[in-house]
Amino acid sequence: MIELTFTEVIIALAYLAAGILFIVGLKGLTSPRTARKGNRMAAVGMLVAIVATIVFLVAVEELSSTTAWAIIAAGIVVGGAIGAFLALRVQMVDMPQLVAAFNGFGGGASALVASAVVVGTDALLPTEIGVTTALSLAIGAVTLTGSMIAYAKLQGLIGGKPVAIPGGPATNAVIAGLMLIVAVFAVVTNSPAAYWGATALALVLGVTAVLPIGGADMPVVISLLNSFSGLAAAMAGFTIENQALIIGGALVGAAGMILTLDMSVAMNRSIANILFSGFGGTVASDEEIGTKPVKRATAEDAAIALSYAQNVMVVPGYGLAVAQAQHAVKELATALEKRGVNVEYAIHPVAGRMPGHMNVLLAEADVPYDKLLDLDQSNPKFGHTDVVLVIGANDVINPVAHTDENSPIYGMPVLDVEDAATVIVVKRSLSPGFAGIDNPLFYQDGTMMFFSDAKKALEDTVKAVNEL
């Protein structure tokens, strides 16, 4: 039986408290109403874990090296400064890119922890430690480079279309197989060179695995890589026997995987199809798009239709995020509500470029949480809605998902906005969405196309409503 000192008991309890705060915080993130509180609780949990680790280094490990403490202090200061800078400067529209980058940094940090174990010992690692070390290195490295590619695609540094690699999925299978063989050899022989070899192959795999995935599927990729970053952290926790890292990593890994599966269901596609199909690689031709007549609308037309409606449903898409029009849509909703119009918001699960992206944007503009409806809540209401205002959305409102069995999005749950009496679509042009297909909704009799930047369109419509 292992006897613990009083200090070690306190540290263990602190790690347990941190784990509980992580769990409660994650539970809070399941609702927009409690998300901020949940985020704060998880942050407090991380602070508790950091303090407990420092106490452990002082009281148990008896760390007294000035150099080591200088490195720790520098890491805390630099990391905290970067985090504060990003929190203050990054716009909400860029949040998906930031999450992708954070996933990569998390995977890279876990790989560094595991690499320190490889560098720091000459003795043969116990099998279980060798396995978790290899897993942390491999998963962390894949997450690092894969997330950087996802970041580059979202930021526009790399085109959003799938990038074919020689050999396709077979190439990735060969790389993954070699990585597994080298990792097993590393565990058996305790060879640092083998560990580094497996890590190098994992870095390559992260690039070759994400490049062939189209921009339309980046939200799912981000979620999957988020899960990987948690798994890498949990493996690193087992390697260095840190309970807080194990708990936190396991929570992130499980939550990310559940979210990935939920998003694939929302898109009516399997994970394999998302990763290997090259979805969105083709775009409808000019003959298919833009040659049919549409009903054009002005701000005055939109103002009249909205002001004399009883029920209005707003459908936000990525165009709203790009234009940073969340405050403008809230201003329009306020103007309509003063005229007795009931305004609600229909949020598709994969609207935007990140799960919950639209909810966060609208919450930033102080849109009431009870006005935000998910797909299952909003679809039954469209038939009783006078006007649907679509802002920068496309694929998630495309009715061919119900009608065309040959369509790449057939079977995907979409918002049934065509059931409303009138649909106003705010969009820059008739260009297709990420799926690369035309949207017949734009040409229906009850649809009006308001071609404009989303923010300007909404501001002009607010002005027109106030002048009625």
Foldseek 3Di string as FASTA:
>chain_A
DDDDDPLVVVLVVLLVLLLVLLVQLVVLCVALVRNVVSVVSNVVSVVSNVVSVVSCCCPPVVDDDPVVVVVVVVCVVVVVVVVVCCVPPPALLLVLLVLLQVLLVLLQVLLVLLLCVLVVDPDQDPLLLLVLSLLLLLLSLLSNLLSVVLSCCSVVVDPQFADADVPAVVVLVVLVVVLVVLSVVCNVVVDSVSSVVSNVSSNVSSNNQNRRAGLLLSQLVSLQSQLSSLSSQLSSCVNVVRSNSNSRSNVSNVVSVVLSVVVCVLLVHDPCCRRGVSFLNAADDPVQWDPADFAADALLRVLVQLQPWAEEEEEEASLCSVLLQLLLVVLLCVLSVVSNHHYAYEYEQCGRRHGCSVVVSNVVNVDDSVRYHYQVRQQVCLLVGAEYEYEPDAPQAACVLDVPPPQPRNVNHHRPNVNHQAYEYEEQGQGHDSNNHGGCSRHDPRYYYHHDRRNVSSNSNSVSNVVD
